[in-house]
Amino acid sequence: MKQYDERVDAYIAKAAPFAQPILTHLRNTIHQASQLINETIKWGFPHFDYKGTVCSMASFKAHCAFGFWKASLMKDPYQVFEKDAMGTMGRVEKIEDIPETKILTEYILEALKLNEEGTKVKKVITPKAEIAMPADFASVLNENPKAKQQFESFSPSHRREYLEWITTAKAEATRIKRMATTIEWLSEGKSLNWKYQR
């Protein structure tokens, strides 16, 4: 990785005419903020890295996007972040949509500092809603003690996989077939995705 990457030059050159000055301005501001930042292309668009991703920019048909990788940890004292946008700064259609250079530089340096300190973004894992045991499947399980014992010994996630598979069947015939397959596999001690397990 290097400070300037010719792939970023190519990306800007291929962008729509309205986007080229925006992307060039962002790029220049980032490098003026710190010479430690290097460019790269990830997922098809420019990223700026120093001990991890600092920020990125992208160009679309009618707007550009710019965002900080760790925006959720940043202070945002000038209230420039937009929560429901691809880029932290929302839709950028002209240079005037970007905060002034002094402000943007503050944000870049804060993001840089987070990476320097090794601060990580915490992943928020939302637990999946519990799936109620369907009465017809409970009845079938009660008729098959071995399958029932295996089902009850499975982890909640394995039980949930089977319940989800059964309850998402669109046709009654499919549901009945899935319940029969479930009983067969449970009797053999198999989880739903046993074919893909090593």
N, C-alpha and C. Protein backbone atom coordinates (compact mmCIF):
# COMPACT_ATOMS: atom_id res chain seq x y z
N MET A 1 0.84 -1.19 0.00
CA MET A 1 0.00 0.00 0.00
C MET A 1 0.88 1.24 0.00
N LYS A 2 0.46 2.26 -0.76
CA LYS A 2 1.26 3.48 -0.82
C LYS A 2 0.38 4.71 -0.65
N GLN A 3 1.04 5.84 -0.44
CA GLN A 3 0.27 7.05 -0.18
C GLN A 3 -0.69 7.36 -1.34
N TYR A 4 -0.20 7.32 -2.57
CA TYR A 4 -1.05 7.55 -3.73
C TYR A 4 -1.09 6.28 -4.57
N ASP A 5 -2.29 5.88 -4.95
CA ASP A 5 -2.50 4.65 -5.71
C ASP A 5 -3.07 5.02 -7.08
N GLU A 6 -2.43 4.56 -8.15
CA GLU A 6 -2.90 4.91 -9.51
C GLU A 6 -4.31 4.39 -9.79
N ARG A 7 -4.75 3.39 -9.03
CA ARG A 7 -6.13 2.89 -9.21
C ARG A 7 -7.15 3.94 -8.74
N VAL A 8 -6.76 4.75 -7.77
CA VAL A 8 -7.64 5.84 -7.32
C VAL A 8 -7.68 6.92 -8.40
N ASP A 9 -6.54 7.19 -9.05
CA ASP A 9 -6.52 8.12 -10.19
C ASP A 9 -7.51 7.65 -11.25
N ALA A 10 -7.45 6.34 -11.56
CA ALA A 10 -8.33 5.77 -12.59
C ALA A 10 -9.79 5.85 -12.17
N TYR A 11 -10.05 5.61 -10.88
CA TYR A 11 -11.43 5.67 -10.36
C TYR A 11 -12.00 7.08 -10.55
N ILE A 12 -11.21 8.08 -10.20
CA ILE A 12 -11.66 9.47 -10.32
C ILE A 12 -11.85 9.83 -11.79
N ALA A 13 -10.95 9.39 -12.65
CA ALA A 13 -11.04 9.69 -14.09
C ALA A 13 -12.29 9.09 -14.72
N LYS A 14 -12.73 7.93 -14.22
CA LYS A 14 -13.92 7.27 -14.77
C LYS A 14 -15.22 7.81 -14.18
N ALA A 15 -15.13 8.57 -13.10
CA ALA A 15 -16.34 9.10 -12.44
C ALA A 15 -17.03 10.12 -13.33
N ALA A 16 -18.31 10.36 -13.05
CA ALA A 16 -19.07 11.36 -13.80
C ALA A 16 -18.42 12.74 -13.64
N PRO A 17 -18.56 13.63 -14.63
CA PRO A 17 -17.92 14.94 -14.55
C PRO A 17 -18.22 15.72 -13.27
N PHE A 18 -19.47 15.65 -12.75
CA PHE A 18 -19.80 16.38 -11.52
C PHE A 18 -19.01 15.83 -10.33
N ALA A 19 -18.69 14.51 -10.37
CA ALA A 19 -18.06 13.84 -9.22
C ALA A 19 -16.55 14.06 -9.15
N GLN A 20 -15.92 14.27 -10.27
CA GLN A 20 -14.46 14.36 -10.29
C GLN A 20 -13.90 15.44 -9.36
N PRO A 21 -14.41 16.68 -9.39
CA PRO A 21 -13.87 17.67 -8.45
C PRO A 21 -14.16 17.34 -6.99
N ILE A 22 -15.28 16.70 -6.72
CA ILE A 22 -15.63 16.31 -5.35
C ILE A 22 -14.62 15.28 -4.84
N LEU A 23 -14.40 14.23 -5.64
CA LEU A 23 -13.48 13.16 -5.25
C LEU A 23 -12.05 13.69 -5.10
N THR A 24 -11.64 14.55 -6.01
CA THR A 24 -10.30 15.14 -5.95
C THR A 24 -10.14 15.99 -4.70
N HIS A 25 -11.17 16.77 -4.38
CA HIS A 25 -11.14 17.61 -3.17
C HIS A 25 -11.03 16.76 -1.91
N LEU A 26 -11.83 15.71 -1.84
CA LEU A 26 -11.79 14.82 -0.67
C LEU A 26 -10.41 14.18 -0.54
N ARG A 27 -9.91 13.67 -1.64
CA ARG A 27 -8.60 13.01 -1.65
C ARG A 27 -7.51 13.97 -1.17
N ASN A 28 -7.51 15.17 -1.71
CA ASN A 28 -6.49 16.16 -1.32
C ASN A 28 -6.59 16.52 0.16
N THR A 29 -7.81 16.69 0.64
CA THR A 29 -8.02 17.04 2.05
C THR A 29 -7.50 15.93 2.97
N ILE A 30 -7.77 14.69 2.59
CA ILE A 30 -7.32 13.54 3.39
C ILE A 30 -5.79 13.52 3.48
N HIS A 31 -5.13 13.70 2.35
CA HIS A 31 -3.66 13.64 2.34
C HIS A 31 -3.03 14.87 3.00
N GLN A 32 -3.70 16.00 2.93
CA GLN A 32 -3.19 17.19 3.62
C GLN A 32 -3.34 17.03 5.13
N ALA A 33 -4.35 16.29 5.56
CA ALA A 33 -4.57 16.07 6.99
C ALA A 33 -3.44 15.23 7.59
N SER A 34 -2.98 14.22 6.84
CA SER A 34 -1.90 13.37 7.35
C SER A 34 -1.20 12.64 6.21
N GLN A 35 0.13 12.69 6.24
CA GLN A 35 0.91 11.97 5.25
C GLN A 35 1.05 10.49 5.60
N LEU A 36 0.51 10.09 6.74
CA LEU A 36 0.55 8.69 7.15
C LEU A 36 -0.49 7.85 6.40
N ILE A 37 -1.49 8.52 5.84
CA ILE A 37 -2.61 7.82 5.21
C ILE A 37 -2.23 7.32 3.81
N ASN A 38 -2.56 6.06 3.56
CA ASN A 38 -2.32 5.43 2.26
C ASN A 38 -3.64 5.14 1.57
N GLU A 39 -3.60 5.07 0.26
CA GLU A 39 -4.79 4.79 -0.53
C GLU A 39 -4.82 3.33 -0.97
N THR A 40 -6.01 2.83 -1.18
CA THR A 40 -6.18 1.53 -1.78
C THR A 40 -7.59 1.45 -2.36
N ILE A 41 -7.86 0.41 -3.11
CA ILE A 41 -9.21 0.15 -3.60
C ILE A 41 -9.70 -1.11 -2.90
N LYS A 42 -10.83 -1.00 -2.21
CA LYS A 42 -11.49 -2.16 -1.60
C LYS A 42 -12.94 -2.13 -2.03
N TRP A 43 -13.48 -3.29 -2.35
CA TRP A 43 -14.88 -3.41 -2.77
C TRP A 43 -15.19 -2.47 -3.94
N GLY A 44 -14.16 -2.16 -4.75
CA GLY A 44 -14.37 -1.39 -5.97
C GLY A 44 -14.33 0.12 -5.81
N PHE A 45 -14.06 0.63 -4.61
CA PHE A 45 -13.99 2.10 -4.47
C PHE A 45 -12.86 2.50 -3.52
N PRO A 46 -12.43 3.77 -3.57
CA PRO A 46 -11.25 4.20 -2.80
C PRO A 46 -11.45 4.20 -1.28
N HIS A 47 -10.44 3.65 -0.62
CA HIS A 47 -10.36 3.65 0.84
C HIS A 47 -9.04 4.28 1.25
N PHE A 48 -9.04 4.89 2.41
CA PHE A 48 -7.85 5.56 2.93
C PHE A 48 -7.52 4.93 4.27
N ASP A 49 -6.31 4.37 4.36
CA ASP A 49 -5.95 3.53 5.50
C ASP A 49 -4.75 4.06 6.27
N TYR A 50 -4.81 3.83 7.56
CA TYR A 50 -3.64 3.96 8.44
C TYR A 50 -3.95 3.10 9.65
N LYS A 51 -3.24 1.98 9.77
CA LYS A 51 -3.51 1.01 10.83
C LYS A 51 -4.98 0.59 10.83
N GLY A 52 -5.51 0.41 9.64
CA GLY A 52 -6.92 0.09 9.44
C GLY A 52 -7.57 1.17 8.60
N THR A 53 -8.81 0.95 8.22
CA THR A 53 -9.50 1.92 7.37
C THR A 53 -9.85 3.18 8.17
N VAL A 54 -9.51 4.32 7.60
CA VAL A 54 -9.84 5.62 8.21
C VAL A 54 -11.16 6.10 7.61
N CYS A 55 -11.22 6.15 6.27
CA CYS A 55 -12.42 6.64 5.59
C CYS A 55 -12.45 6.11 4.17
N SER A 56 -13.55 6.37 3.47
CA SER A 56 -13.68 5.93 2.08
C SER A 56 -14.58 6.90 1.34
N MET A 57 -14.49 6.84 0.01
CA MET A 57 -15.35 7.68 -0.83
C MET A 57 -15.80 6.86 -2.03
N ALA A 58 -16.95 7.23 -2.58
CA ALA A 58 -17.48 6.51 -3.73
C ALA A 58 -18.27 7.47 -4.60
N SER A 59 -18.37 7.12 -5.87
CA SER A 59 -19.10 7.95 -6.83
C SER A 59 -20.24 7.13 -7.44
N PHE A 60 -21.41 7.76 -7.56
CA PHE A 60 -22.57 7.11 -8.16
C PHE A 60 -23.08 7.99 -9.31
N LYS A 61 -24.21 7.64 -9.90
CA LYS A 61 -24.70 8.39 -11.05
C LYS A 61 -24.99 9.85 -10.73
N ALA A 62 -25.61 10.11 -9.58
CA ALA A 62 -26.04 11.48 -9.28
C ALA A 62 -25.47 12.05 -7.99
N HIS A 63 -24.65 11.28 -7.29
CA HIS A 63 -24.07 11.79 -6.05
C HIS A 63 -22.80 11.02 -5.69
N CYS A 64 -22.09 11.54 -4.72
CA CYS A 64 -20.92 10.86 -4.15
C CYS A 64 -21.24 10.53 -2.70
N ALA A 65 -20.45 9.63 -2.14
CA ALA A 65 -20.59 9.29 -0.72
C ALA A 65 -19.21 9.35 -0.09
N PHE A 66 -19.17 9.79 1.16
CA PHE A 66 -17.92 9.83 1.91
C PHE A 66 -18.24 9.43 3.34
N GLY A 67 -17.41 8.56 3.90
CA GLY A 67 -17.71 8.13 5.26
C GLY A 67 -16.49 7.67 6.02
N PHE A 68 -16.63 7.70 7.34
CA PHE A 68 -15.58 7.25 8.24
C PHE A 68 -15.91 5.84 8.72
N TRP A 69 -14.91 4.98 8.72
CA TRP A 69 -15.09 3.58 9.09
C TRP A 69 -15.59 3.45 10.53
N LYS A 70 -15.10 4.32 11.41
CA LYS A 70 -15.46 4.24 12.83
C LYS A 70 -16.34 5.43 13.24
N ALA A 71 -17.21 5.86 12.35
CA ALA A 71 -18.07 7.02 12.63
C ALA A 71 -18.88 6.85 13.91
N SER A 72 -19.29 5.60 14.19
CA SER A 72 -20.11 5.36 15.39
C SER A 72 -19.35 5.67 16.68
N LEU A 73 -18.02 5.75 16.60
CA LEU A 73 -17.21 6.04 17.79
C LEU A 73 -16.75 7.50 17.83
N MET A 74 -17.04 8.23 16.77
CA MET A 74 -16.55 9.61 16.68
C MET A 74 -17.52 10.59 17.34
N LYS A 75 -17.00 11.76 17.71
CA LYS A 75 -17.79 12.73 18.48
C LYS A 75 -18.81 13.50 17.65
N ASP A 76 -18.50 13.86 16.40
CA ASP A 76 -19.37 14.64 15.52
C ASP A 76 -19.80 15.97 16.14
N PRO A 77 -18.84 16.81 16.56
CA PRO A 77 -19.19 18.09 17.21
C PRO A 77 -19.90 19.08 16.29
N TYR A 78 -19.72 18.95 14.98
CA TYR A 78 -20.35 19.89 14.04
C TYR A 78 -21.64 19.32 13.43
N GLN A 79 -22.06 18.15 13.92
CA GLN A 79 -23.31 17.52 13.47
C GLN A 79 -23.35 17.35 11.95
N VAL A 80 -22.30 16.76 11.40
CA VAL A 80 -22.25 16.56 9.95
C VAL A 80 -22.63 15.14 9.53
N PHE A 81 -22.73 14.22 10.49
CA PHE A 81 -23.04 12.84 10.15
C PHE A 81 -24.53 12.67 9.90
N GLU A 82 -24.85 11.86 8.89
CA GLU A 82 -26.24 11.48 8.62
C GLU A 82 -26.35 10.00 8.88
N LYS A 83 -27.27 9.62 9.74
CA LYS A 83 -27.35 8.24 10.20
C LYS A 83 -27.78 7.24 9.13
N ASP A 84 -28.73 7.60 8.28
CA ASP A 84 -29.28 6.62 7.34
C ASP A 84 -28.71 6.75 5.94
N ALA A 85 -27.45 7.11 5.83
CA ALA A 85 -26.84 7.27 4.52
C ALA A 85 -25.71 6.26 4.35
N MET A 86 -25.40 5.92 3.09
CA MET A 86 -24.30 5.00 2.84
C MET A 86 -23.00 5.58 3.37
N GLY A 87 -22.73 6.84 3.05
CA GLY A 87 -21.56 7.52 3.58
C GLY A 87 -21.98 8.31 4.80
N THR A 88 -21.08 8.52 5.71
CA THR A 88 -21.42 9.23 6.94
C THR A 88 -21.89 10.65 6.69
N MET A 89 -21.48 11.23 5.57
CA MET A 89 -21.82 12.63 5.25
C MET A 89 -23.08 12.75 4.39
N GLY A 90 -23.78 11.67 4.15
CA GLY A 90 -24.99 11.72 3.33
C GLY A 90 -24.67 11.88 1.86
N ARG A 91 -25.65 12.34 1.09
CA ARG A 91 -25.47 12.54 -0.36
C ARG A 91 -24.61 13.77 -0.60
N VAL A 92 -23.55 13.59 -1.35
CA VAL A 92 -22.68 14.71 -1.71
C VAL A 92 -22.83 14.93 -3.21
N GLU A 93 -23.49 16.03 -3.59
CA GLU A 93 -23.74 16.31 -5.00
C GLU A 93 -22.88 17.44 -5.54
N LYS A 94 -22.28 18.22 -4.60
CA LYS A 94 -21.40 19.32 -4.98
C LYS A 94 -20.41 19.56 -3.85
N ILE A 95 -19.31 20.23 -4.13
CA ILE A 95 -18.28 20.45 -3.11
C ILE A 95 -18.84 21.15 -1.88
N GLU A 96 -19.83 21.99 -2.07
CA GLU A 96 -20.43 22.73 -0.94
C GLU A 96 -21.14 21.80 0.06
N ASP A 97 -21.43 20.57 -0.37
CA ASP A 97 -22.06 19.60 0.54
C ASP A 97 -21.06 19.00 1.52
N ILE A 98 -19.78 19.23 1.28
CA ILE A 98 -18.71 18.71 2.15
C ILE A 98 -18.42 19.77 3.22
N PRO A 99 -18.20 19.37 4.47
CA PRO A 99 -17.82 20.36 5.49
C PRO A 99 -16.54 21.09 5.06
N GLU A 100 -16.36 22.31 5.56
CA GLU A 100 -15.16 23.06 5.18
C GLU A 100 -13.91 22.28 5.58
N THR A 101 -12.83 22.54 4.88
CA THR A 101 -11.59 21.76 5.03
C THR A 101 -11.11 21.66 6.47
N LYS A 102 -11.17 22.75 7.22
CA LYS A 102 -10.72 22.76 8.61
C LYS A 102 -11.51 21.75 9.45
N ILE A 103 -12.82 21.73 9.26
CA ILE A 103 -13.69 20.81 10.01
C ILE A 103 -13.43 19.37 9.58
N LEU A 104 -13.39 19.14 8.27
CA LEU A 104 -13.16 17.78 7.77
C LEU A 104 -11.81 17.24 8.26
N THR A 105 -10.82 18.11 8.31
CA THR A 105 -9.49 17.71 8.80
C THR A 105 -9.57 17.26 10.25
N GLU A 106 -10.34 17.96 11.07
CA GLU A 106 -10.52 17.55 12.48
C GLU A 106 -11.07 16.13 12.57
N TYR A 107 -12.06 15.86 11.73
CA TYR A 107 -12.69 14.54 11.73
C TYR A 107 -11.69 13.47 11.26
N ILE A 108 -10.93 13.78 10.22
CA ILE A 108 -9.94 12.82 9.70
C ILE A 108 -8.91 12.50 10.78
N LEU A 109 -8.45 13.53 11.48
CA LEU A 109 -7.45 13.31 12.54
C LEU A 109 -8.02 12.53 13.71
N GLU A 110 -9.30 12.74 14.01
CA GLU A 110 -9.93 11.95 15.08
C GLU A 110 -10.02 10.48 14.68
N ALA A 111 -10.42 10.22 13.42
CA ALA A 111 -10.50 8.84 12.93
C ALA A 111 -9.13 8.18 12.92
N LEU A 112 -8.12 8.95 12.54
CA LEU A 112 -6.74 8.47 12.53
C LEU A 112 -6.30 8.07 13.94
N LYS A 113 -6.66 8.90 14.91
CA LYS A 113 -6.29 8.66 16.31
C LYS A 113 -6.95 7.38 16.83
N LEU A 114 -8.21 7.15 16.45
CA LEU A 114 -8.88 5.92 16.86
C LEU A 114 -8.12 4.70 16.37
N ASN A 115 -7.65 4.75 15.12
CA ASN A 115 -6.88 3.63 14.57
C ASN A 115 -5.52 3.51 15.26
N GLU A 116 -4.91 4.64 15.53
CA GLU A 116 -3.61 4.67 16.21
C GLU A 116 -3.71 4.00 17.58
N GLU A 117 -4.83 4.24 18.26
CA GLU A 117 -5.06 3.68 19.60
C GLU A 117 -5.56 2.24 19.56
N GLY A 118 -5.86 1.75 18.35
CA GLY A 118 -6.35 0.38 18.22
C GLY A 118 -7.79 0.20 18.66
N THR A 119 -8.56 1.28 18.68
CA THR A 119 -9.96 1.22 19.09
C THR A 119 -10.77 0.41 18.07
N LYS A 120 -11.55 -0.51 18.56
CA LYS A 120 -12.36 -1.37 17.69
C LYS A 120 -13.83 -0.99 17.76
N VAL A 121 -14.52 -1.19 16.64
CA VAL A 121 -15.96 -0.98 16.60
C VAL A 121 -16.60 -2.24 17.16
N LYS A 122 -17.47 -2.09 18.15
CA LYS A 122 -18.14 -3.25 18.74
C LYS A 122 -19.31 -3.66 17.86
N LYS A 123 -19.35 -4.95 17.57
CA LYS A 123 -20.46 -5.47 16.78
C LYS A 123 -21.66 -5.67 17.69
N VAL A 124 -22.80 -5.20 17.23
CA VAL A 124 -24.03 -5.39 17.99
C VAL A 124 -24.76 -6.58 17.39
N ILE A 125 -24.90 -7.62 18.17
CA ILE A 125 -25.58 -8.82 17.70
C ILE A 125 -26.99 -8.84 18.28
N THR A 126 -27.95 -8.76 17.38
CA THR A 126 -29.35 -8.79 17.82
C THR A 126 -29.81 -10.23 17.81
N PRO A 127 -30.22 -10.74 18.96
CA PRO A 127 -30.67 -12.14 18.99
C PRO A 127 -31.93 -12.33 18.14
N LYS A 128 -32.00 -13.47 17.50
CA LYS A 128 -33.17 -13.77 16.66
C LYS A 128 -34.36 -14.09 17.55
N ALA A 129 -35.53 -13.72 17.07
CA ALA A 129 -36.75 -13.98 17.82
C ALA A 129 -36.96 -15.49 17.92
N GLU A 130 -37.51 -15.91 19.05
CA GLU A 130 -37.75 -17.33 19.26
C GLU A 130 -38.89 -17.79 18.38
N ILE A 131 -38.79 -19.00 17.87
CA ILE A 131 -39.86 -19.57 17.04
C ILE A 131 -40.63 -20.56 17.92
N ALA A 132 -41.93 -20.33 18.01
CA ALA A 132 -42.77 -21.19 18.84
C ALA A 132 -42.87 -22.58 18.21
N MET A 133 -42.94 -23.58 19.05
CA MET A 133 -43.08 -24.96 18.58
C MET A 133 -44.46 -25.15 17.96
N PRO A 134 -44.53 -25.46 16.66
CA PRO A 134 -45.85 -25.70 16.04
C PRO A 134 -46.49 -26.96 16.63
N ALA A 135 -47.80 -26.89 16.83
CA ALA A 135 -48.52 -28.01 17.46
C ALA A 135 -48.37 -29.30 16.65
N ASP A 136 -48.45 -29.21 15.32
CA ASP A 136 -48.37 -30.42 14.50
C ASP A 136 -46.98 -31.06 14.59
N PHE A 137 -45.94 -30.23 14.67
CA PHE A 137 -44.58 -30.78 14.79
C PHE A 137 -44.36 -31.37 16.18
N ALA A 138 -44.91 -30.72 17.21
CA ALA A 138 -44.81 -31.24 18.58
C ALA A 138 -45.46 -32.62 18.65
N SER A 139 -46.58 -32.79 17.97
CA SER A 139 -47.30 -34.06 17.96
C SER A 139 -46.46 -35.15 17.29
N VAL A 140 -45.85 -34.79 16.14
CA VAL A 140 -45.00 -35.75 15.41
C VAL A 140 -43.79 -36.14 16.26
N LEU A 141 -43.20 -35.15 16.94
CA LEU A 141 -42.05 -35.43 17.80
C LEU A 141 -42.42 -36.38 18.94
N ASN A 142 -43.60 -36.17 19.54
CA ASN A 142 -44.05 -37.02 20.65
C ASN A 142 -44.23 -38.47 20.23
N GLU A 143 -44.50 -38.68 18.95
CA GLU A 143 -44.67 -40.05 18.43
C GLU A 143 -43.33 -40.72 18.14
N ASN A 144 -42.24 -39.94 18.19
CA ASN A 144 -40.90 -40.45 17.86
C ASN A 144 -39.92 -40.09 18.98
N PRO A 145 -39.90 -40.89 20.06
CA PRO A 145 -39.09 -40.56 21.24
C PRO A 145 -37.60 -40.32 20.94
N LYS A 146 -37.02 -41.12 20.04
CA LYS A 146 -35.60 -40.96 19.73
C LYS A 146 -35.34 -39.60 19.08
N ALA A 147 -36.20 -39.23 18.12
CA ALA A 147 -36.07 -37.93 17.43
C ALA A 147 -36.30 -36.79 18.43
N LYS A 148 -37.28 -36.97 19.30
CA LYS A 148 -37.59 -35.93 20.30
C LYS A 148 -36.41 -35.72 21.23
N GLN A 149 -35.82 -36.81 21.69
CA GLN A 149 -34.67 -36.71 22.59
C GLN A 149 -33.51 -35.98 21.90
N GLN A 150 -33.27 -36.32 20.63
CA GLN A 150 -32.19 -35.67 19.87
C GLN A 150 -32.49 -34.17 19.70
N PHE A 151 -33.73 -33.85 19.35
CA PHE A 151 -34.13 -32.45 19.16
C PHE A 151 -33.89 -31.65 20.44
N GLU A 152 -34.30 -32.20 21.56
CA GLU A 152 -34.17 -31.50 22.83
C GLU A 152 -32.71 -31.39 23.29
N SER A 153 -31.84 -32.28 22.80
CA SER A 153 -30.43 -32.22 23.19
C SER A 153 -29.64 -31.22 22.34
N PHE A 154 -30.24 -30.80 21.21
CA PHE A 154 -29.56 -29.83 20.34
C PHE A 154 -29.47 -28.45 21.00
N SER A 155 -28.52 -27.68 20.53
CA SER A 155 -28.39 -26.29 21.00
C SER A 155 -29.60 -25.50 20.50
N PRO A 156 -29.92 -24.36 21.14
CA PRO A 156 -31.05 -23.55 20.68
C PRO A 156 -30.95 -23.17 19.20
N SER A 157 -29.73 -22.91 18.72
CA SER A 157 -29.60 -22.52 17.31
C SER A 157 -29.94 -23.68 16.37
N HIS A 158 -29.56 -24.91 16.73
CA HIS A 158 -29.89 -26.07 15.88
C HIS A 158 -31.40 -26.35 15.90
N ARG A 159 -32.00 -26.21 17.09
CA ARG A 159 -33.46 -26.40 17.17
C ARG A 159 -34.16 -25.35 16.32
N ARG A 160 -33.67 -24.12 16.42
CA ARG A 160 -34.27 -23.00 15.67
C ARG A 160 -34.19 -23.24 14.16
N GLU A 161 -33.07 -23.79 13.69
CA GLU A 161 -32.92 -24.07 12.25
C GLU A 161 -34.02 -24.99 11.75
N TYR A 162 -34.27 -26.05 12.51
CA TYR A 162 -35.33 -26.99 12.12
C TYR A 162 -36.70 -26.31 12.17
N LEU A 163 -36.98 -25.59 13.25
CA LEU A 163 -38.29 -24.93 13.39
C LEU A 163 -38.52 -23.91 12.27
N GLU A 164 -37.48 -23.17 11.94
CA GLU A 164 -37.59 -22.17 10.87
C GLU A 164 -37.85 -22.85 9.53
N TRP A 165 -37.15 -23.95 9.29
CA TRP A 165 -37.30 -24.69 8.03
C TRP A 165 -38.73 -25.21 7.88
N ILE A 166 -39.28 -25.73 8.97
CA ILE A 166 -40.64 -26.27 8.93
C ILE A 166 -41.68 -25.15 8.78
N THR A 167 -41.56 -24.10 9.58
CA THR A 167 -42.58 -23.04 9.60
C THR A 167 -42.54 -22.13 8.37
N THR A 168 -41.45 -22.17 7.61
CA THR A 168 -41.40 -21.30 6.41
C THR A 168 -41.88 -22.00 5.15
N ALA A 169 -42.28 -23.25 5.29
CA ALA A 169 -42.82 -23.96 4.11
C ALA A 169 -44.10 -23.25 3.66
N LYS A 170 -44.20 -22.98 2.36
CA LYS A 170 -45.36 -22.24 1.84
C LYS A 170 -46.58 -23.15 1.64
N ALA A 171 -46.32 -24.38 1.21
CA ALA A 171 -47.44 -25.31 0.95
C ALA A 171 -47.51 -26.35 2.07
N GLU A 172 -48.72 -26.80 2.34
CA GLU A 172 -48.93 -27.79 3.40
C GLU A 172 -48.18 -29.09 3.09
N ALA A 173 -48.17 -29.48 1.79
CA ALA A 173 -47.47 -30.71 1.40
C ALA A 173 -45.97 -30.59 1.68
N THR A 174 -45.41 -29.40 1.43
CA THR A 174 -43.98 -29.16 1.69
C THR A 174 -43.71 -29.24 3.18
N ARG A 175 -44.61 -28.67 3.97
CA ARG A 175 -44.45 -28.68 5.43
C ARG A 175 -44.45 -30.12 5.96
N ILE A 176 -45.39 -30.92 5.47
CA ILE A 176 -45.47 -32.32 5.91
C ILE A 176 -44.21 -33.09 5.53
N LYS A 177 -43.72 -32.84 4.31
CA LYS A 177 -42.50 -33.50 3.84
C LYS A 177 -41.30 -33.08 4.69
N ARG A 178 -41.22 -31.79 5.01
CA ARG A 178 -40.11 -31.30 5.83
C ARG A 178 -40.15 -31.91 7.24
N MET A 179 -41.36 -32.05 7.79
CA MET A 179 -41.47 -32.66 9.13
C MET A 179 -41.00 -34.11 9.10
N ALA A 180 -41.35 -34.84 8.03
CA ALA A 180 -40.95 -36.23 7.90
C ALA A 180 -39.43 -36.34 7.78
N THR A 181 -38.84 -35.44 6.98
CA THR A 181 -37.37 -35.43 6.82
C THR A 181 -36.70 -35.08 8.14
N THR A 182 -37.28 -34.13 8.87
CA THR A 182 -36.74 -33.73 10.17
C THR A 182 -36.70 -34.91 11.13
N ILE A 183 -37.80 -35.66 11.20
CA ILE A 183 -37.86 -36.82 12.09
C ILE A 183 -36.79 -37.84 11.69
N GLU A 184 -36.66 -38.08 10.38
CA GLU A 184 -35.66 -39.03 9.88
C GLU A 184 -34.25 -38.59 10.30
N TRP A 185 -33.92 -37.33 10.04
CA TRP A 185 -32.57 -36.82 10.35
C TRP A 185 -32.31 -36.77 11.85
N LEU A 186 -33.34 -36.37 12.62
CA LEU A 186 -33.16 -36.34 14.08
C LEU A 186 -32.91 -37.75 14.62
N SER A 187 -33.61 -38.73 14.06
CA SER A 187 -33.44 -40.12 14.49
C SER A 187 -32.02 -40.60 14.21
N GLU A 188 -31.37 -39.99 13.22
CA GLU A 188 -29.98 -40.33 12.87
C GLU A 188 -28.99 -39.41 13.58
N GLY A 189 -29.51 -38.49 14.43
CA GLY A 189 -28.65 -37.58 15.19
C GLY A 189 -28.10 -36.43 14.36
N LYS A 190 -28.77 -36.11 13.27
CA LYS A 190 -28.26 -35.08 12.35
C LYS A 190 -28.91 -33.72 12.58
N SER A 191 -28.11 -32.67 12.46
CA SER A 191 -28.66 -31.31 12.48
C SER A 191 -29.19 -31.02 11.08
N LEU A 192 -29.90 -29.92 10.92
CA LEU A 192 -30.48 -29.59 9.62
C LEU A 192 -29.40 -29.46 8.54
N ASN A 193 -28.29 -28.85 8.87
CA ASN A 193 -27.24 -28.62 7.88
C ASN A 193 -26.11 -29.63 7.96
N TRP A 194 -26.43 -30.87 8.28
CA TRP A 194 -25.43 -31.91 8.47
C TRP A 194 -24.59 -32.14 7.22
N LYS A 195 -25.17 -31.91 6.04
CA LYS A 195 -24.43 -32.15 4.79
C LYS A 195 -23.23 -31.23 4.64
N TYR A 196 -23.31 -30.04 5.29
CA TYR A 196 -22.27 -29.03 5.13
C TYR A 196 -21.26 -29.02 6.27
N GLN A 197 -21.48 -29.91 7.25
CA GLN A 197 -20.58 -29.95 8.40
C GLN A 197 -19.47 -30.95 8.15
N ARG A 198 -18.30 -30.63 8.69
CA ARG A 198 -17.15 -31.54 8.51
C ARG A 198 -17.00 -32.43 9.71
